[in-house]
Amino acid sequence: MNAYRTSFHVNPRRPCTARHHGPPQPAVHPAVAALLVVTAAVLVASFALQPSSPGVSSWATVSVQQGGTLWGIARSHPVPGLSTAETIELIRAQNRLGSSTLYPGQSLRVPGVATDTLAVAHR
């Protein structure tokens, strides 16, 4: 006998409208729940292991010279912890540059030198 079926008197003139579907099912399938937990763990781990990008303490404005390139400007204004290519991307983002094309006389915001560093450099 089915463990979920109950005994009760059935009126033969009235059809049974009760539906017996078995035990209630969980709202989320266990495999889906496990997948969500694993995905969340991977996302948290990837953010935790990602090195934080160094911040720029100040910004300076430079005027592009004839023949000036983003590579040359980035090398002249390094950011500790960033490669020259990463510094170029930082300068491009700061100045909202759509390309690497520069024009003589163009003003660009570039990573500046912190006040403490200036004091040491002038000694």
Protein backbone atom coordinates (compact mmCIF):
# COMPACT_ATOMS: atom_id res chain seq x y z
CA MET A 1 0.00 0.00 0.00
CA ASN A 2 1.22 3.50 -0.82
CA ALA A 3 2.51 5.29 2.29
CA TYR A 4 1.15 8.63 1.10
CA ARG A 5 -2.42 7.46 0.51
CA THR A 6 -4.86 7.90 3.34
CA SER A 7 -7.93 5.86 4.04
CA PHE A 8 -11.22 7.63 3.79
CA HIS A 9 -14.74 6.92 2.68
CA VAL A 10 -15.32 7.70 -0.99
CA ASN A 11 -18.76 8.61 -2.25
CA PRO A 12 -19.22 6.54 -5.42
CA ARG A 13 -21.55 9.18 -6.93
CA ARG A 14 -19.01 11.94 -6.62
CA PRO A 15 -15.72 11.74 -8.55
CA CYS A 16 -12.49 12.10 -6.61
CA THR A 17 -10.75 15.39 -7.31
CA ALA A 18 -7.80 14.91 -4.95
CA ARG A 19 -4.42 14.52 -6.60
CA HIS A 20 -1.71 12.46 -4.95
CA HIS A 21 1.70 13.64 -6.09
CA GLY A 22 3.87 12.12 -3.41
CA PRO A 23 6.09 14.03 -0.97
CA PRO A 24 6.57 17.78 -1.47
CA GLN A 25 9.55 18.63 -3.68
CA PRO A 26 12.24 21.13 -2.63
CA ALA A 27 11.94 24.59 -4.21
CA VAL A 28 15.41 24.27 -5.81
CA HIS A 29 16.85 21.05 -7.14
CA PRO A 30 19.89 20.03 -5.04
CA ALA A 31 22.16 19.97 -8.11
CA VAL A 32 21.18 23.55 -8.97
CA ALA A 33 21.80 24.65 -5.38
CA ALA A 34 25.23 22.98 -5.41
CA LEU A 35 26.10 24.69 -8.71
CA LEU A 36 25.12 28.09 -7.27
CA VAL A 37 27.28 27.51 -4.18
CA VAL A 38 30.30 26.48 -6.28
CA THR A 39 29.86 29.46 -8.61
CA ALA A 40 29.67 31.86 -5.68
CA ALA A 41 32.79 30.33 -4.12
CA VAL A 42 34.74 30.67 -7.38
CA LEU A 43 33.70 34.33 -7.77
CA VAL A 44 34.67 35.17 -4.19
CA ALA A 45 38.02 33.40 -4.58
CA SER A 46 38.80 35.15 -7.86
CA PHE A 47 38.18 38.58 -6.35
CA ALA A 48 40.13 37.72 -3.21
CA LEU A 49 43.15 36.48 -5.15
CA GLN A 50 43.16 39.33 -7.65
CA PRO A 51 45.93 41.79 -6.88
CA SER A 52 44.65 45.22 -6.07
CA SER A 53 45.69 47.80 -8.61
CA PRO A 54 47.84 50.49 -7.10
CA GLY A 55 46.17 53.82 -6.77
CA VAL A 56 47.56 57.04 -8.12
CA SER A 57 48.14 59.56 -5.37
CA SER A 58 47.99 62.58 -7.66
CA TRP A 59 47.58 63.58 -11.28
CA ALA A 60 49.56 66.03 -13.36
CA THR A 61 48.74 67.63 -16.70
CA VAL A 62 51.24 67.40 -19.52
CA SER A 63 51.23 68.81 -23.02
CA VAL A 64 52.00 66.32 -25.78
CA GLN A 65 55.19 67.23 -27.68
CA GLN A 66 55.79 66.64 -31.39
CA GLY A 67 56.32 62.88 -31.83
CA GLY A 68 55.02 62.12 -28.32
CA THR A 69 53.55 58.66 -27.71
CA LEU A 70 51.54 57.10 -24.93
CA TRP A 71 54.39 54.63 -24.42
CA GLY A 72 56.89 57.44 -23.88
CA ILE A 73 54.55 59.37 -21.60
CA ALA A 74 53.75 56.24 -19.55
CA ARG A 75 57.47 55.48 -19.17
CA SER A 76 58.09 59.08 -18.03
CA HIS A 77 55.26 58.84 -15.46
CA PRO A 78 55.49 55.30 -14.02
CA VAL A 79 53.06 53.95 -11.44
CA PRO A 80 54.68 51.60 -8.91
CA GLY A 81 53.24 48.11 -9.35
CA LEU A 82 52.02 48.69 -12.91
CA SER A 83 53.73 47.79 -16.17
CA THR A 84 54.14 50.42 -18.87
CA ALA A 85 51.23 48.83 -20.78
CA GLU A 86 49.00 49.01 -17.69
CA THR A 87 50.02 52.64 -17.13
CA ILE A 88 49.04 53.39 -20.76
CA GLU A 89 45.59 51.90 -20.11
CA LEU A 90 45.32 53.99 -16.94
CA ILE A 91 46.19 57.17 -18.88
CA ARG A 92 43.77 56.24 -21.69
CA ALA A 93 40.96 55.66 -19.19
CA GLN A 94 41.68 58.87 -17.26
CA ASN A 95 41.63 60.92 -20.46
CA ARG A 96 38.84 58.95 -22.15
CA LEU A 97 41.01 58.29 -25.19
CA GLY A 98 39.38 56.10 -27.85
CA SER A 99 42.71 55.44 -29.57
CA SER A 100 46.44 55.87 -29.05
CA THR A 101 46.66 58.78 -31.47
CA LEU A 102 48.08 61.91 -29.85
CA TYR A 103 48.42 65.42 -31.24
CA PRO A 104 51.09 68.04 -30.44
CA GLY A 105 49.76 70.45 -27.83
CA GLN A 106 47.12 67.99 -26.57
CA SER A 107 46.74 68.09 -22.77
CA LEU A 108 46.73 64.79 -20.91
CA ARG A 109 46.27 63.94 -17.26
CA VAL A 110 49.04 61.57 -16.23
CA PRO A 111 50.02 59.94 -12.93
CA GLY A 112 51.80 62.52 -10.81
CA VAL A 113 54.43 62.17 -8.16
CA ALA A 114 53.36 62.09 -4.53
CA THR A 115 54.49 64.98 -2.30
CA ASP A 116 56.66 62.65 -0.17
CA THR A 117 58.44 61.39 -3.28
CA LEU A 118 59.11 64.94 -4.46
CA ALA A 119 60.70 65.80 -1.14
CA VAL A 120 63.04 62.80 -1.37
CA ALA A 121 63.86 63.46 -5.04
CA HIS A 122 64.97 67.06 -4.35
CA ARG A 123 67.40 66.20 -1.53
